[in-house]
Amino acid sequence: MTENPIIAVLHGSTKPDEDLLAPVLKQANVRFTTADDLPRALDGAQILFAYDFFSHAVPDAWSSANALEWIHIASAGVERFMFDELSDSDVVVTNSRGIFDPHIAEYVLGQILAFAKDFPTSWTLQQQREWKHRESERIAGKHAVVVGTGPIGRAIGRLLSAAGLRVTGSGRRAQTDDPDFGTIVAQEELPDVLRTADYVVSIAPSTPQTRHMFNAELFQAMKPTARFINVGRGDLTVTDDLVAALRDGTIAGAALDVTDPEPLPADHPLWTLDNVMITPHNAGDVVGWRDDLVTLFVENFERWTAGTELLNIVDKQRGYVPG
């Protein structure tokens, strides 16, 4: 551990709470910086806290990272930071795995209930002051396939199971008797298991192996009554294929917290489809989430100063935290 280390804190319009950062501020020289000034802030810094996890500034500033030992990213996804120079370096990368798990699971359950109980139509009819009786669907007994078996996917699986759904996981390797999913099918088996799915939840990390995995072929494998929920990354989906599947009735609907492109342009056709619910990448952003991100960084900084193993070390070749 370097005595009195220099830490660059990359932020956007919102800075991390300095009261929560107090243990770090007492032991380190902290440089708060926006993307424009990142090269100067990185010069001589041992640590980068990427609080602005949407920033694309790090690759361009990388030549100034002449003393960097560790990057902590304030998100679970790290694909924006996995450029070749960083991946091939000795710099340790950690992420914020674990912060968002229960929040995103609640979001997924909420969207499933919104589909089953048709809350969007109820809201529209309320605005029109129209009393119109309708029947709704049960969710108990329905089949949900959760694509992505990391901590967030497992939290989703547990909550959906508790709500009465039958849940299957899909990951890199097949497994039986899994404590959270029961059955996990390998990615190459996904088309077969999708044929019985009522809800398909995408929460896989963005990697070269998963990008554009949800394409016309997979949508064709789903039932026409199936709903697709993406809380992973927008680039897991071929957006044009999704639009086509929603328009022609290949699938019944979609709930999208992430899109490709993102933010979704105002003239994009997804906005106009009445079987789509769109949220602005905020599925895990409950009250207090930013404070939780800072608290995790402080805990990891204390581990760094003590010389103990950091939490959430990312495998830079895989693009996620193993295990």
C-alpha atoms as a PDB file:
ATOM      1  CA  MET A   1       0.000   0.000   0.000  1.00  0.00           C
ATOM      2  CA  THR A   2       1.268   3.461  -0.937  1.00  0.00           C
ATOM      3  CA  GLU A   3       1.310   5.916   1.977  1.00  0.00           C
ATOM      4  CA  ASN A   4      -0.973   8.907   1.324  1.00  0.00           C
ATOM      5  CA  PRO A   5      -2.078   7.564  -2.065  1.00  0.00           C
ATOM      6  CA  ILE A   6      -3.506   9.767  -4.765  1.00  0.00           C
ATOM      7  CA  ILE A   7      -7.062   8.861  -5.764  1.00  0.00           C
ATOM      8  CA  ALA A   8      -8.817  10.210  -8.840  1.00  0.00           C
ATOM      9  CA  VAL A   9     -12.605  10.242  -8.416  1.00  0.00           C
ATOM     10  CA  LEU A  10     -14.287  10.448 -11.799  1.00  0.00           C
ATOM     11  CA  HIS A  11     -17.768  11.933 -11.501  1.00  0.00           C
ATOM     12  CA  GLY A  12     -20.388  13.493 -13.727  1.00  0.00           C
ATOM     13  CA  SER A  13     -22.947  16.082 -12.675  1.00  0.00           C
ATOM     14  CA  THR A  14     -23.291  14.320  -9.297  1.00  0.00           C
ATOM     15  CA  LYS A  15     -20.326  13.915  -6.929  1.00  0.00           C
ATOM     16  CA  PRO A  16     -20.084  11.197  -4.281  1.00  0.00           C
ATOM     17  CA  ASP A  17     -21.102  12.210  -0.761  1.00  0.00           C
ATOM     18  CA  GLU A  18     -17.943  13.540   0.912  1.00  0.00           C
ATOM     19  CA  ASP A  19     -19.241  12.698   4.389  1.00  0.00           C
ATOM     20  CA  LEU A  20     -19.393   9.039   3.379  1.00  0.00           C
ATOM     21  CA  LEU A  21     -15.938   9.372   1.789  1.00  0.00           C
ATOM     22  CA  ALA A  22     -14.484  10.817   5.018  1.00  0.00           C
ATOM     23  CA  PRO A  23     -12.367   7.715   5.878  1.00  0.00           C
ATOM     24  CA  VAL A  24     -10.761   7.952   2.441  1.00  0.00           C
ATOM     25  CA  LEU A  25     -10.293  11.724   2.532  1.00  0.00           C
ATOM     26  CA  LYS A  26      -8.380  11.389   5.821  1.00  0.00           C
ATOM     27  CA  GLN A  27      -5.858   8.948   4.374  1.00  0.00           C
ATOM     28  CA  ALA A  28      -5.467   9.971   0.759  1.00  0.00           C
ATOM     29  CA  ASN A  29      -5.002  12.873  -1.601  1.00  0.00           C
ATOM     30  CA  VAL A  30      -8.323  12.830  -3.444  1.00  0.00           C
ATOM     31  CA  ARG A  31      -8.727  14.535  -6.799  1.00  0.00           C
ATOM     32  CA  PHE A  32     -12.334  15.000  -7.852  1.00  0.00           C
ATOM     33  CA  THR A  33     -12.492  15.217 -11.624  1.00  0.00           C
ATOM     34  CA  THR A  34     -14.845  15.234 -14.569  1.00  0.00           C
ATOM     35  CA  ALA A  35     -14.086  13.525 -17.868  1.00  0.00           C
ATOM     36  CA  ASP A  36     -12.443  16.616 -19.375  1.00  0.00           C
ATOM     37  CA  ASP A  37      -9.819  16.819 -16.625  1.00  0.00           C
ATOM     38  CA  LEU A  38      -9.318  13.079 -16.139  1.00  0.00           C
ATOM     39  CA  PRO A  39      -5.854  12.917 -17.795  1.00  0.00           C
ATOM     40  CA  ARG A  40      -4.478  15.467 -15.340  1.00  0.00           C
ATOM     41  CA  ALA A  41      -6.161  13.765 -12.366  1.00  0.00           C
ATOM     42  CA  LEU A  42      -4.759  10.365 -13.342  1.00  0.00           C
ATOM     43  CA  ASP A  43      -1.161  11.586 -13.517  1.00  0.00           C
ATOM     44  CA  GLY A  44       0.525   9.992 -10.474  1.00  0.00           C
ATOM     45  CA  ALA A  45      -2.707   8.494  -9.094  1.00  0.00           C
ATOM     46  CA  GLN A  46      -2.630   4.982  -7.640  1.00  0.00           C
ATOM     47  CA  ILE A  47      -6.422   4.552  -7.533  1.00  0.00           C
ATOM     48  CA  LEU A  48      -9.300   5.535  -9.805  1.00  0.00           C
ATOM     49  CA  PHE A  49     -12.827   5.495  -8.398  1.00  0.00           C
ATOM     50  CA  ALA A  50     -15.055   5.523 -11.479  1.00  0.00           C
ATOM     51  CA  TYR A  51     -18.147   6.918  -9.792  1.00  0.00           C
ATOM     52  CA  ASP A  52     -19.423   8.027 -13.219  1.00  0.00           C
ATOM     53  CA  PHE A  53     -19.727   4.491 -14.534  1.00  0.00           C
ATOM     54  CA  PHE A  54     -21.327   5.659 -17.792  1.00  0.00           C
ATOM     55  CA  SER A  55     -18.212   7.612 -18.749  1.00  0.00           C
ATOM     56  CA  HIS A  56     -16.190   6.651 -21.820  1.00  0.00           C
ATOM     57  CA  ALA A  57     -13.284   8.892 -20.783  1.00  0.00           C
ATOM     58  CA  VAL A  58     -10.862   6.331 -19.342  1.00  0.00           C
ATOM     59  CA  PRO A  59      -9.482   4.864 -22.606  1.00  0.00           C
ATOM     60  CA  ASP A  60      -8.595   8.311 -23.945  1.00  0.00           C
ATOM     61  CA  ALA A  61      -6.939   9.279 -20.653  1.00  0.00           C
ATOM     62  CA  TRP A  62      -5.092   5.978 -20.236  1.00  0.00           C
ATOM     63  CA  SER A  63      -1.684   7.335 -21.312  1.00  0.00           C
ATOM     64  CA  SER A  64      -1.726   9.523 -18.172  1.00  0.00           C
ATOM     65  CA  ALA A  65      -2.270   6.535 -15.852  1.00  0.00           C
ATOM     66  CA  ASN A  66       1.420   6.219 -15.059  1.00  0.00           C
ATOM     67  CA  ALA A  67       1.077   4.977 -11.466  1.00  0.00           C
ATOM     68  CA  LEU A  68      -2.340   3.342 -11.441  1.00  0.00           C
ATOM     69  CA  GLU A  69      -2.746   0.157  -9.394  1.00  0.00           C
ATOM     70  CA  TRP A  70      -6.484  -0.233  -8.934  1.00  0.00           C
ATOM     71  CA  ILE A  71      -9.756   0.884 -10.555  1.00  0.00           C
ATOM     72  CA  HIS A  72     -13.039   0.565  -8.690  1.00  0.00           C
ATOM     73  CA  ILE A  73     -16.152   0.911 -10.862  1.00  0.00           C
ATOM     74  CA  ALA A  74     -19.447   2.023  -9.337  1.00  0.00           C
ATOM     75  CA  SER A  75     -21.536  -0.463 -11.317  1.00  0.00           C
ATOM     76  CA  ALA A  76     -21.871  -4.202 -11.808  1.00  0.00           C
ATOM     77  CA  GLY A  77     -21.223  -3.972 -15.564  1.00  0.00           C
ATOM     78  CA  VAL A  78     -17.656  -3.115 -16.576  1.00  0.00           C
ATOM     79  CA  GLU A  79     -17.735  -3.383 -20.376  1.00  0.00           C
ATOM     80  CA  ARG A  80     -16.980   0.333 -20.889  1.00  0.00           C
ATOM     81  CA  PHE A  81     -13.665  -0.177 -19.104  1.00  0.00           C
ATOM     82  CA  MET A  82     -12.503  -3.406 -20.712  1.00  0.00           C
ATOM     83  CA  PHE A  83     -10.334  -1.867 -23.429  1.00  0.00           C
ATOM     84  CA  ASP A  84      -7.199  -3.741 -24.473  1.00  0.00           C
ATOM     85  CA  GLU A  85      -4.626  -1.596 -22.675  1.00  0.00           C
ATOM     86  CA  LEU A  86      -6.386  -2.022 -19.323  1.00  0.00           C
ATOM     87  CA  SER A  87      -7.155  -5.706 -19.866  1.00  0.00           C
ATOM     88  CA  ASP A  88      -3.497  -6.403 -20.637  1.00  0.00           C
ATOM     89  CA  SER A  89      -2.162  -4.337 -17.725  1.00  0.00           C
ATOM     90  CA  ASP A  90      -1.468  -5.255 -14.096  1.00  0.00           C
ATOM     91  CA  VAL A  91      -4.116  -2.802 -12.856  1.00  0.00           C
ATOM     92  CA  VAL A  92      -6.678  -4.524 -10.637  1.00  0.00           C
ATOM     93  CA  VAL A  93     -10.333  -3.839 -11.464  1.00  0.00           C
ATOM     94  CA  THR A  94     -13.173  -4.201  -8.970  1.00  0.00           C
ATOM     95  CA  ASN A  95     -16.863  -3.546  -9.441  1.00  0.00           C
ATOM     96  CA  SER A  96     -19.984  -2.933  -7.366  1.00  0.00           C
ATOM     97  CA  ARG A  97     -21.403  -6.428  -7.536  1.00  0.00           C
ATOM     98  CA  GLY A  98     -24.002  -7.077  -4.853  1.00  0.00           C
ATOM     99  CA  ILE A  99     -25.400  -3.557  -4.543  1.00  0.00           C
ATOM    100  CA  PHE A 100     -28.191  -3.896  -7.081  1.00  0.00           C
ATOM    101  CA  ASP A 101     -29.269  -7.532  -6.675  1.00  0.00           C
ATOM    102  CA  PRO A 102     -32.515  -7.215  -4.653  1.00  0.00           C
ATOM    103  CA  HIS A 103     -33.551  -3.953  -6.339  1.00  0.00           C
ATOM    104  CA  ILE A 104     -33.389  -5.360  -9.864  1.00  0.00           C
ATOM    105  CA  ALA A 105     -35.140  -8.528  -8.733  1.00  0.00           C
ATOM    106  CA  GLU A 106     -38.035  -6.418  -7.433  1.00  0.00           C
ATOM    107  CA  TYR A 107     -38.133  -4.509 -10.721  1.00  0.00           C
ATOM    108  CA  VAL A 108     -38.409  -7.757 -12.698  1.00  0.00           C
ATOM    109  CA  LEU A 109     -41.216  -9.052 -10.491  1.00  0.00           C
ATOM    110  CA  GLY A 110     -42.954  -5.691 -10.854  1.00  0.00           C
ATOM    111  CA  GLN A 111     -42.791  -5.847 -14.645  1.00  0.00           C
ATOM    112  CA  ILE A 112     -44.103  -9.415 -14.668  1.00  0.00           C
ATOM    113  CA  LEU A 113     -47.039  -8.303 -12.509  1.00  0.00           C
ATOM    114  CA  ALA A 114     -47.607  -5.290 -14.765  1.00  0.00           C
ATOM    115  CA  PHE A 115     -47.864  -7.596 -17.771  1.00  0.00           C
ATOM    116  CA  ALA A 116     -50.036 -10.196 -16.041  1.00  0.00           C
ATOM    117  CA  LYS A 117     -52.424  -7.688 -14.468  1.00  0.00           C
ATOM    118  CA  ASP A 118     -52.257  -5.303 -17.465  1.00  0.00           C
ATOM    119  CA  PHE A 119     -51.613  -2.249 -15.304  1.00  0.00           C
ATOM    120  CA  PRO A 120     -50.698  -0.020 -18.298  1.00  0.00           C
ATOM    121  CA  THR A 121     -54.202  -0.469 -19.765  1.00  0.00           C
ATOM    122  CA  SER A 122     -55.784   0.146 -16.357  1.00  0.00           C
ATOM    123  CA  TRP A 123     -53.876   3.419 -16.093  1.00  0.00           C
ATOM    124  CA  THR A 124     -54.945   4.460 -19.598  1.00  0.00           C
ATOM    125  CA  LEU A 125     -58.582   3.647 -18.886  1.00  0.00           C
ATOM    126  CA  GLN A 126     -58.377   5.591 -15.618  1.00  0.00           C
ATOM    127  CA  GLN A 127     -57.157   8.666 -17.480  1.00  0.00           C
ATOM    128  CA  GLN A 128     -60.130   8.253 -19.828  1.00  0.00           C
ATOM    129  CA  ARG A 129     -62.502   7.762 -16.839  1.00  0.00           C
ATOM    130  CA  GLU A 130     -63.670   4.527 -18.401  1.00  0.00           C
ATOM    131  CA  TRP A 131     -64.907   1.620 -16.239  1.00  0.00           C
ATOM    132  CA  LYS A 132     -64.120  -1.467 -18.318  1.00  0.00           C
ATOM    133  CA  HIS A 133     -64.071  -4.921 -16.779  1.00  0.00           C
ATOM    134  CA  ARG A 134     -61.237  -7.175 -17.914  1.00  0.00           C
ATOM    135  CA  GLU A 135     -59.694 -10.460 -16.827  1.00  0.00           C
ATOM    136  CA  SER A 136     -56.016 -10.763 -15.905  1.00  0.00           C
ATOM    137  CA  GLU A 137     -53.436 -13.535 -15.777  1.00  0.00           C
ATOM    138  CA  ARG A 138     -51.948 -15.421 -12.843  1.00  0.00           C
ATOM    139  CA  ILE A 139     -48.197 -15.504 -12.450  1.00  0.00           C
ATOM    140  CA  ALA A 140     -48.104 -18.552 -10.150  1.00  0.00           C
ATOM    141  CA  GLY A 141     -47.159 -21.589 -12.184  1.00  0.00           C
ATOM    142  CA  LYS A 142     -45.788 -19.588 -15.117  1.00  0.00           C
ATOM    143  CA  HIS A 143     -42.334 -20.429 -16.440  1.00  0.00           C
ATOM    144  CA  ALA A 144     -39.582 -17.814 -16.263  1.00  0.00           C
ATOM    145  CA  VAL A 145     -36.187 -18.304 -17.894  1.00  0.00           C
ATOM    146  CA  VAL A 146     -33.461 -16.123 -16.382  1.00  0.00           C
ATOM    147  CA  VAL A 147     -30.529 -15.729 -18.763  1.00  0.00           C
ATOM    148  CA  GLY A 148     -27.530 -14.903 -16.594  1.00  0.00           C
ATOM    149  CA  THR A 149     -26.743 -16.773 -13.390  1.00  0.00           C
ATOM    150  CA  GLY A 150     -24.628 -14.231 -11.532  1.00  0.00           C
ATOM    151  CA  PRO A 151     -25.739 -12.648  -8.232  1.00  0.00           C
ATOM    152  CA  ILE A 152     -28.434 -10.461  -9.819  1.00  0.00           C
ATOM    153  CA  GLY A 153     -29.828 -13.358 -11.832  1.00  0.00           C
ATOM    154  CA  ARG A 154     -29.897 -15.499  -8.706  1.00  0.00           C
ATOM    155  CA  ALA A 155     -31.723 -12.794  -6.736  1.00  0.00           C
ATOM    156  CA  ILE A 156     -34.276 -12.651  -9.562  1.00  0.00           C
ATOM    157  CA  GLY A 157     -34.629 -16.416  -9.551  1.00  0.00           C
ATOM    158  CA  ARG A 158     -35.201 -16.574  -5.803  1.00  0.00           C
ATOM    159  CA  LEU A 159     -37.825 -13.821  -5.818  1.00  0.00           C
ATOM    160  CA  LEU A 160     -39.725 -15.212  -8.798  1.00  0.00           C
ATOM    161  CA  SER A 161     -39.706 -18.667  -7.227  1.00  0.00           C
ATOM    162  CA  ALA A 162     -41.094 -17.189  -4.003  1.00  0.00           C
ATOM    163  CA  ALA A 163     -43.880 -15.578  -6.063  1.00  0.00           C
ATOM    164  CA  GLY A 164     -44.839 -18.991  -7.409  1.00  0.00           C
ATOM    165  CA  LEU A 165     -43.183 -19.016 -10.814  1.00  0.00           C
ATOM    166  CA  ARG A 166     -41.232 -22.001 -12.097  1.00  0.00           C
ATOM    167  CA  VAL A 167     -37.734 -20.702 -12.810  1.00  0.00           C
ATOM    168  CA  THR A 168     -34.988 -22.044 -15.056  1.00  0.00           C
ATOM    169  CA  GLY A 169     -31.556 -20.465 -15.328  1.00  0.00           C
ATOM    170  CA  SER A 170     -29.334 -20.233 -18.387  1.00  0.00           C
ATOM    171  CA  GLY A 171     -25.583 -19.777 -18.071  1.00  0.00           C
ATOM    172  CA  ARG A 172     -22.263 -20.854 -19.497  1.00  0.00           C
ATOM    173  CA  ARG A 173     -22.527 -24.359 -18.050  1.00  0.00           C
ATOM    174  CA  ALA A 174     -25.459 -26.683 -17.475  1.00  0.00           C
ATOM    175  CA  GLN A 175     -26.215 -27.673 -13.883  1.00  0.00           C
ATOM    176  CA  THR A 176     -28.833 -29.623 -11.987  1.00  0.00           C
ATOM    177  CA  ASP A 177     -29.929 -29.191  -8.369  1.00  0.00           C
ATOM    178  CA  ASP A 178     -28.803 -25.566  -8.312  1.00  0.00           C
ATOM    179  CA  PRO A 179     -29.860 -23.932  -5.008  1.00  0.00           C
ATOM    180  CA  ASP A 180     -31.447 -20.903  -6.714  1.00  0.00           C
ATOM    181  CA  PHE A 181     -32.647 -22.194 -10.081  1.00  0.00           C
ATOM    182  CA  GLY A 182     -32.937 -25.928  -9.714  1.00  0.00           C
ATOM    183  CA  THR A 183     -31.965 -26.385 -13.354  1.00  0.00           C
ATOM    184  CA  ILE A 184     -29.451 -24.311 -15.306  1.00  0.00           C
ATOM    185  CA  VAL A 185     -29.173 -24.935 -19.033  1.00  0.00           C
ATOM    186  CA  ALA A 186     -26.110 -24.062 -21.093  1.00  0.00           C
ATOM    187  CA  GLN A 187     -26.373 -21.153 -23.508  1.00  0.00           C
ATOM    188  CA  GLU A 188     -26.432 -23.450 -26.544  1.00  0.00           C
ATOM    189  CA  GLU A 189     -29.555 -25.139 -25.126  1.00  0.00           C
ATOM    190  CA  LEU A 190     -31.393 -21.833 -24.726  1.00  0.00           C
ATOM    191  CA  PRO A 191     -33.590 -22.065 -27.864  1.00  0.00           C
ATOM    192  CA  ASP A 192     -35.124 -25.320 -26.617  1.00  0.00           C
ATOM    193  CA  VAL A 193     -35.965 -24.070 -23.130  1.00  0.00           C
ATOM    194  CA  LEU A 194     -37.389 -20.791 -24.482  1.00  0.00           C
ATOM    195  CA  ARG A 195     -40.164 -22.727 -26.213  1.00  0.00           C
ATOM    196  CA  THR A 196     -41.926 -23.182 -22.859  1.00  0.00           C
ATOM    197  CA  ALA A 197     -41.076 -19.792 -21.309  1.00  0.00           C
ATOM    198  CA  ASP A 198     -43.765 -17.286 -20.382  1.00  0.00           C
ATOM    199  CA  TYR A 199     -41.190 -14.693 -19.284  1.00  0.00           C
ATOM    200  CA  VAL A 200     -37.616 -14.402 -20.524  1.00  0.00           C
ATOM    201  CA  VAL A 201     -35.348 -12.264 -18.338  1.00  0.00           C
ATOM    202  CA  SER A 202     -32.020 -11.062 -19.727  1.00  0.00           C
ATOM    203  CA  ILE A 203     -29.413 -10.267 -17.070  1.00  0.00           C
ATOM    204  CA  ALA A 204     -26.243 -11.664 -18.666  1.00  0.00           C
ATOM    205  CA  PRO A 205     -23.087  -9.504 -18.698  1.00  0.00           C
ATOM    206  CA  SER A 206     -22.053  -7.827 -21.931  1.00  0.00           C
ATOM    207  CA  THR A 207     -19.188  -9.892 -23.333  1.00  0.00           C
ATOM    208  CA  PRO A 208     -18.139 -10.925 -26.848  1.00  0.00           C
ATOM    209  CA  GLN A 209     -19.998 -14.216 -26.249  1.00  0.00           C
ATOM    210  CA  THR A 210     -23.290 -12.601 -25.209  1.00  0.00           C
ATOM    211  CA  ARG A 211     -23.570  -9.513 -27.418  1.00  0.00           C
ATOM    212  CA  HIS A 212     -26.566  -9.759 -29.765  1.00  0.00           C
ATOM    213  CA  MET A 213     -27.497 -13.171 -28.374  1.00  0.00           C
ATOM    214  CA  PHE A 214     -31.194 -12.202 -28.427  1.00  0.00           C
ATOM    215  CA  ASN A 215     -31.764 -12.139 -32.158  1.00  0.00           C
ATOM    216  CA  ALA A 216     -34.492 -13.183 -34.594  1.00  0.00           C
ATOM    217  CA  GLU A 217     -33.692 -16.862 -34.045  1.00  0.00           C
ATOM    218  CA  LEU A 218     -34.218 -16.690 -30.283  1.00  0.00           C
ATOM    219  CA  PHE A 219     -37.362 -14.577 -30.570  1.00  0.00           C
ATOM    220  CA  GLN A 220     -38.751 -17.108 -33.053  1.00  0.00           C
ATOM    221  CA  ALA A 221     -38.073 -19.831 -30.478  1.00  0.00           C
ATOM    222  CA  MET A 222     -40.335 -18.114 -27.919  1.00  0.00           C
ATOM    223  CA  LYS A 223     -44.072 -18.581 -27.564  1.00  0.00           C
ATOM    224  CA  PRO A 224     -46.246 -15.845 -29.099  1.00  0.00           C
ATOM    225  CA  THR A 225     -47.529 -15.173 -25.566  1.00  0.00           C
ATOM    226  CA  ALA A 226     -44.022 -14.740 -24.088  1.00  0.00           C
ATOM    227  CA  ARG A 227     -42.743 -11.448 -22.647  1.00  0.00           C
ATOM    228  CA  PHE A 228     -39.099 -10.393 -22.827  1.00  0.00           C
ATOM    229  CA  ILE A 229     -37.538  -8.391 -19.966  1.00  0.00           C
ATOM    230  CA  ASN A 230     -34.054  -6.915 -20.418  1.00  0.00           C
ATOM    231  CA  VAL A 231     -32.320  -5.654 -17.279  1.00  0.00           C
ATOM    232  CA  GLY A 232     -28.813  -6.630 -18.419  1.00  0.00           C
ATOM    233  CA  ARG A 233     -27.301  -4.602 -21.237  1.00  0.00           C
ATOM    234  CA  GLY A 234     -28.873  -3.208 -24.376  1.00  0.00           C
ATOM    235  CA  ASP A 235     -26.310  -4.785 -26.665  1.00  0.00           C
ATOM    236  CA  LEU A 236     -27.426  -8.270 -25.639  1.00  0.00           C
ATOM    237  CA  THR A 237     -30.305  -7.699 -28.061  1.00  0.00           C
ATOM    238  CA  VAL A 238     -30.439  -7.081 -31.810  1.00  0.00           C
ATOM    239  CA  THR A 239     -32.839  -4.150 -31.513  1.00  0.00           C
ATOM    240  CA  ASP A 240     -34.218  -4.353 -35.060  1.00  0.00           C
ATOM    241  CA  ASP A 241     -35.016  -8.031 -34.522  1.00  0.00           C
ATOM    242  CA  LEU A 242     -36.800  -7.208 -31.273  1.00  0.00           C
ATOM    243  CA  VAL A 243     -38.868  -4.477 -32.936  1.00  0.00           C
ATOM    244  CA  ALA A 244     -39.855  -6.888 -35.706  1.00  0.00           C
ATOM    245  CA  ALA A 245     -40.803  -9.607 -33.207  1.00  0.00           C
ATOM    246  CA  LEU A 246     -42.984  -7.191 -31.242  1.00  0.00           C
ATOM    247  CA  ARG A 247     -44.657  -5.783 -34.343  1.00  0.00           C
ATOM    248  CA  ASP A 248     -45.524  -9.093 -35.997  1.00  0.00           C
ATOM    249  CA  GLY A 249     -46.634 -10.899 -32.826  1.00  0.00           C
ATOM    250  CA  THR A 250     -43.702 -13.280 -32.588  1.00  0.00           C
ATOM    251  CA  ILE A 251     -43.664 -12.342 -28.875  1.00  0.00           C
ATOM    252  CA  ALA A 252     -46.347 -10.613 -26.836  1.00  0.00           C
ATOM    253  CA  GLY A 253     -44.386  -7.816 -25.195  1.00  0.00           C
ATOM    254  CA  ALA A 254     -41.164  -6.452 -23.754  1.00  0.00           C
ATOM    255  CA  ALA A 255     -40.044  -4.516 -20.700  1.00  0.00           C
ATOM    256  CA  LEU A 256     -36.757  -2.762 -21.375  1.00  0.00           C
ATOM    257  CA  ASP A 257     -34.641  -1.057 -18.752  1.00  0.00           C
ATOM    258  CA  VAL A 258     -31.700  -1.055 -21.164  1.00  0.00           C
ATOM    259  CA  THR A 259     -31.654  -0.454 -24.902  1.00  0.00           C
ATOM    260  CA  ASP A 260     -29.302  -0.291 -27.846  1.00  0.00           C
ATOM    261  CA  PRO A 261     -28.813   2.566 -28.565  1.00  0.00           C
ATOM    262  CA  GLU A 262     -28.962   4.155 -25.125  1.00  0.00           C
ATOM    263  CA  PRO A 263     -30.412   6.632 -24.345  1.00  0.00           C
ATOM    264  CA  LEU A 264     -33.160   5.622 -26.743  1.00  0.00           C
ATOM    265  CA  PRO A 265     -33.644   8.373 -29.386  1.00  0.00           C
ATOM    266  CA  ALA A 266     -37.002  10.132 -29.320  1.00  0.00           C
ATOM    267  CA  ASP A 267     -37.839   8.951 -32.829  1.00  0.00           C
ATOM    268  CA  HIS A 268     -37.068   5.279 -32.190  1.00  0.00           C
ATOM    269  CA  PRO A 269     -39.909   2.870 -33.059  1.00  0.00           C
ATOM    270  CA  LEU A 270     -39.767   1.168 -29.651  1.00  0.00           C
ATOM    271  CA  TRP A 271     -41.425   4.238 -28.128  1.00  0.00           C
ATOM    272  CA  THR A 272     -44.524   3.777 -30.293  1.00  0.00           C
ATOM    273  CA  LEU A 273     -45.229   0.101 -29.590  1.00  0.00           C
ATOM    274  CA  ASP A 274     -48.116  -0.412 -27.171  1.00  0.00           C
ATOM    275  CA  ASN A 275     -46.748  -3.769 -25.985  1.00  0.00           C
ATOM    276  CA  VAL A 276     -43.479  -2.274 -24.692  1.00  0.00           C
ATOM    277  CA  MET A 277     -42.647  -0.748 -21.305  1.00  0.00           C
ATOM    278  CA  ILE A 278     -39.453   1.336 -21.236  1.00  0.00           C
ATOM    279  CA  THR A 279     -37.537   2.655 -18.229  1.00  0.00           C
ATOM    280  CA  PRO A 280     -34.316   4.732 -18.342  1.00  0.00           C
ATOM    281  CA  HIS A 281     -31.759   2.189 -17.025  1.00  0.00           C
ATOM    282  CA  ASN A 282     -32.875   2.687 -13.442  1.00  0.00           C
ATOM    283  CA  ALA A 283     -34.069  -0.785 -12.420  1.00  0.00           C
ATOM    284  CA  GLY A 284     -31.564  -0.928  -9.559  1.00  0.00           C
ATOM    285  CA  ASP A 285     -31.621   2.724  -8.569  1.00  0.00           C
ATOM    286  CA  VAL A 286     -33.627   2.766  -5.355  1.00  0.00           C
ATOM    287  CA  VAL A 287     -33.402   5.554  -2.783  1.00  0.00           C
ATOM    288  CA  GLY A 288     -29.902   5.484  -1.276  1.00  0.00           C
ATOM    289  CA  TRP A 289     -28.222   3.520  -4.060  1.00  0.00           C
ATOM    290  CA  ARG A 290     -25.518   6.140  -4.654  1.00  0.00           C
ATOM    291  CA  ASP A 291     -24.589   6.099  -0.971  1.00  0.00           C
ATOM    292  CA  ASP A 292     -24.312   2.304  -1.109  1.00  0.00           C
ATOM    293  CA  LEU A 293     -21.851   2.606  -4.002  1.00  0.00           C
ATOM    294  CA  VAL A 294     -19.650   4.984  -2.019  1.00  0.00           C
ATOM    295  CA  THR A 295     -19.815   2.803   1.090  1.00  0.00           C
ATOM    296  CA  LEU A 296     -18.603  -0.199  -0.904  1.00  0.00           C
ATOM    297  CA  PHE A 297     -15.683   1.780  -2.318  1.00  0.00           C
ATOM    298  CA  VAL A 298     -14.721   2.916   1.199  1.00  0.00           C
ATOM    299  CA  GLU A 299     -14.799  -0.683   2.412  1.00  0.00           C
ATOM    300  CA  ASN A 300     -12.589  -1.764  -0.461  1.00  0.00           C
ATOM    301  CA  PHE A 301     -10.207   1.152   0.130  1.00  0.00           C
ATOM    302  CA  GLU A 302      -9.819   0.056   3.753  1.00  0.00           C
ATOM    303  CA  ARG A 303      -8.976  -3.427   2.499  1.00  0.00           C
ATOM    304  CA  TRP A 304      -6.447  -1.928   0.087  1.00  0.00           C
ATOM    305  CA  THR A 305      -4.751   0.068   2.845  1.00  0.00           C
ATOM    306  CA  ALA A 306      -4.673  -3.027   5.068  1.00  0.00           C
ATOM    307  CA  GLY A 307      -3.172  -5.150   2.308  1.00  0.00           C
ATOM    308  CA  THR A 308      -6.074  -7.643   2.330  1.00  0.00           C
ATOM    309  CA  GLU A 309      -7.885  -9.031  -0.700  1.00  0.00           C
ATOM    310  CA  LEU A 310     -10.267  -6.637  -2.400  1.00  0.00           C
ATOM    311  CA  LEU A 311     -13.945  -7.386  -2.878  1.00  0.00           C
ATOM    312  CA  ASN A 312     -15.338  -8.054  -6.347  1.00  0.00           C
ATOM    313  CA  ILE A 313     -12.128  -8.503  -8.345  1.00  0.00           C
ATOM    314  CA  VAL A 314     -13.053  -8.619 -12.035  1.00  0.00           C
ATOM    315  CA  ASP A 315     -11.572 -11.213 -14.360  1.00  0.00           C
ATOM    316  CA  LYS A 316     -10.499  -8.778 -17.071  1.00  0.00           C
ATOM    317  CA  GLN A 317     -10.494 -11.428 -19.774  1.00  0.00           C
ATOM    318  CA  ARG A 318     -14.033 -12.616 -18.967  1.00  0.00           C
ATOM    319  CA  GLY A 319     -15.398  -9.168 -18.160  1.00  0.00           C
ATOM    320  CA  TYR A 320     -17.061 -10.042 -14.857  1.00  0.00           C
ATOM    321  CA  VAL A 321     -16.410 -11.296 -11.310  1.00  0.00           C
ATOM    322  CA  PRO A 322     -16.157 -15.109 -11.417  1.00  0.00           C
ATOM    323  CA  GLY A 323     -18.047 -17.335  -9.021  1.00  0.00           C
END
